[in-house]
C-alpha atoms as a PDB file:
ATOM      1  CA  MET A   1       0.000   0.000   0.000  1.00  0.00           C
ATOM      2  CA  ALA A   2       3.018   2.286   0.206  1.00  0.00           C
ATOM      3  CA  VAL A   3       3.806   1.764  -3.483  1.00  0.00           C
ATOM      4  CA  ALA A   4       0.303   1.397  -4.926  1.00  0.00           C
ATOM      5  CA  PRO A   5      -2.105   3.156  -2.537  1.00  0.00           C
ATOM      6  CA  VAL A   6      -5.594   1.740  -2.039  1.00  0.00           C
ATOM      7  CA  PRO A   7      -8.309   3.360   0.078  1.00  0.00           C
ATOM      8  CA  LEU A   8      -8.915   0.340   2.335  1.00  0.00           C
ATOM      9  CA  ALA A   9      -7.305  -2.998   3.162  1.00  0.00           C
ATOM     10  CA  VAL A  10      -9.131  -5.467   5.424  1.00  0.00           C
ATOM     11  CA  LEU A  11      -6.800  -8.217   6.626  1.00  0.00           C
ATOM     12  CA  ASP A  12      -7.656 -11.376   8.574  1.00  0.00           C
ATOM     13  CA  VAL A  13      -4.429 -12.165  10.461  1.00  0.00           C
ATOM     14  CA  ASP A  14      -5.631 -15.408  12.094  1.00  0.00           C
ATOM     15  CA  ARG A  15      -4.371 -14.490  15.589  1.00  0.00           C
ATOM     16  CA  PHE A  16      -0.858 -13.711  14.366  1.00  0.00           C
ATOM     17  CA  ASP A  17       1.701 -13.092  17.132  1.00  0.00           C
ATOM     18  CA  THR A  18       3.693 -10.028  16.088  1.00  0.00           C
ATOM     19  CA  SER A  19       6.268 -10.597  18.840  1.00  0.00           C
ATOM     20  CA  SER A  20       7.318 -14.032  17.541  1.00  0.00           C
ATOM     21  CA  ASP A  21      10.212 -14.255  15.102  1.00  0.00           C
ATOM     22  CA  ALA A  22       9.238 -17.889  14.468  1.00  0.00           C
ATOM     23  CA  ALA A  23       5.739 -16.786  13.416  1.00  0.00           C
ATOM     24  CA  LEU A  24       7.228 -14.220  11.061  1.00  0.00           C
ATOM     25  CA  LEU A  25       9.424 -16.860   9.427  1.00  0.00           C
ATOM     26  CA  ASP A  26       6.688 -19.506   9.276  1.00  0.00           C
ATOM     27  CA  ARG A  27       3.692 -17.430   8.236  1.00  0.00           C
ATOM     28  CA  LEU A  28       4.863 -14.078   6.912  1.00  0.00           C
ATOM     29  CA  TYR A  29       8.255 -14.503   5.306  1.00  0.00           C
ATOM     30  CA  ILE A  30       8.998 -11.298   3.444  1.00  0.00           C
ATOM     31  CA  PRO A  31      12.734 -10.872   2.807  1.00  0.00           C
ATOM     32  CA  GLY A  32      14.042  -7.606   4.242  1.00  0.00           C
ATOM     33  CA  LEU A  33      10.899  -6.758   6.216  1.00  0.00           C
ATOM     34  CA  GLN A  34      12.567  -6.878   9.631  1.00  0.00           C
ATOM     35  CA  ARG A  35      15.555  -4.853   8.417  1.00  0.00           C
ATOM     36  CA  ALA A  36      13.201  -2.238   6.998  1.00  0.00           C
ATOM     37  CA  GLY A  37      11.509  -1.811  10.375  1.00  0.00           C
ATOM     38  CA  GLY A  38       9.132  -4.770  10.530  1.00  0.00           C
ATOM     39  CA  LEU A  39       5.370  -4.847  10.441  1.00  0.00           C
ATOM     40  CA  GLN A  40       5.059  -1.577  12.358  1.00  0.00           C
ATOM     41  CA  THR A  41       6.954   0.305   9.649  1.00  0.00           C
ATOM     42  CA  ALA A  42       4.932  -1.413   6.928  1.00  0.00           C
ATOM     43  CA  ALA A  43       1.689  -0.407   8.659  1.00  0.00           C
ATOM     44  CA  THR A  44       2.905   3.175   9.041  1.00  0.00           C
ATOM     45  CA  ALA A  45       3.897   3.373   5.358  1.00  0.00           C
ATOM     46  CA  ALA A  46       0.439   2.332   4.130  1.00  0.00           C
ATOM     47  CA  ALA A  47      -1.257   5.249   2.405  1.00  0.00           C
ATOM     48  CA  GLY A  48      -4.818   3.975   2.869  1.00  0.00           C
ATOM     49  CA  ARG A  49      -6.793   2.709   5.840  1.00  0.00           C
ATOM     50  CA  VAL A  50      -5.703  -0.677   7.230  1.00  0.00           C
ATOM     51  CA  VAL A  51      -8.192  -2.754   9.225  1.00  0.00           C
ATOM     52  CA  VAL A  52      -6.910  -5.945  10.836  1.00  0.00           C
ATOM     53  CA  HIS A  53      -9.332  -8.487  12.296  1.00  0.00           C
ATOM     54  CA  ASP A  54      -9.076 -11.860  14.043  1.00  0.00           C
ATOM     55  CA  ALA A  55      -5.928 -10.447  15.658  1.00  0.00           C
ATOM     56  CA  GLY A  56      -6.203 -12.193  19.013  1.00  0.00           C
ATOM     57  CA  ALA A  57      -4.302 -11.028  22.066  1.00  0.00           C
ATOM     58  CA  HIS A  58      -0.740 -11.037  20.676  1.00  0.00           C
ATOM     59  CA  PHE A  59      -1.075  -8.818  17.615  1.00  0.00           C
ATOM     60  CA  GLN A  60       0.449  -5.466  18.516  1.00  0.00           C
ATOM     61  CA  LEU A  61       0.652  -2.652  15.963  1.00  0.00           C
ATOM     62  CA  THR A  62      -0.210   1.006  16.340  1.00  0.00           C
ATOM     63  CA  GLY A  63      -1.632   3.376  13.762  1.00  0.00           C
ATOM     64  CA  ILE A  64      -4.074   0.877  12.261  1.00  0.00           C
ATOM     65  CA  ASP A  65      -7.534  -0.321  13.232  1.00  0.00           C
ATOM     66  CA  VAL A  66      -7.077  -3.667  15.049  1.00  0.00           C
ATOM     67  CA  HIS A  67      -9.978  -5.940  16.049  1.00  0.00           C
ATOM     68  CA  GLN A  68      -9.167  -8.936  18.237  1.00  0.00           C
ATOM     69  CA  ALA A  69     -12.198 -10.920  17.053  1.00  0.00           C
ATOM     70  CA  PRO A  70     -13.063 -11.827  13.449  1.00  0.00           C
ATOM     71  CA  LEU A  71     -15.321  -9.347  11.661  1.00  0.00           C
ATOM     72  CA  THR A  72     -18.505 -10.591  10.073  1.00  0.00           C
ATOM     73  CA  PRO A  73     -18.987 -10.098   6.326  1.00  0.00           C
ATOM     74  CA  ALA A  74     -21.624  -7.448   7.109  1.00  0.00           C
ATOM     75  CA  ALA A  75     -19.173  -5.570   9.338  1.00  0.00           C
ATOM     76  CA  ILE A  76     -16.579  -5.623   6.565  1.00  0.00           C
ATOM     77  CA  VAL A  77     -19.076  -4.305   4.017  1.00  0.00           C
ATOM     78  CA  ASN A  78     -19.941  -1.490   6.439  1.00  0.00           C
ATOM     79  CA  LEU A  79     -16.283  -0.408   6.353  1.00  0.00           C
ATOM     80  CA  LEU A  80     -16.458   0.291   2.627  1.00  0.00           C
ATOM     81  CA  PRO A  81     -16.865   3.924   1.649  1.00  0.00           C
ATOM     82  CA  ALA A  82     -20.314   4.874   0.406  1.00  0.00           C
ATOM     83  CA  ARG A  83     -20.584   4.968  -3.363  1.00  0.00           C
ATOM     84  CA  ARG A  84     -21.987   8.025  -5.011  1.00  0.00           C
ATOM     85  CA  PRO A  85     -24.631   7.556  -7.706  1.00  0.00           C
END
């Protein structure tokens, strides 16, 4: 989202533990991410709105909208900007 901005990204992170290096290697291997500042820097660089759901208790990032529980499809649709006729 830093390179190609979008207005909204809704991400289900399946209770990802942001403090675990093992989780980063197993589930989110992106070469260079940790050297560039990690997930926090990536979240800060996003030009649009980032909504994370199903985060659980161990997902810790600031500057984005984090929901510990999964969002329902209706809740996700309600996040979308209203379309003009």
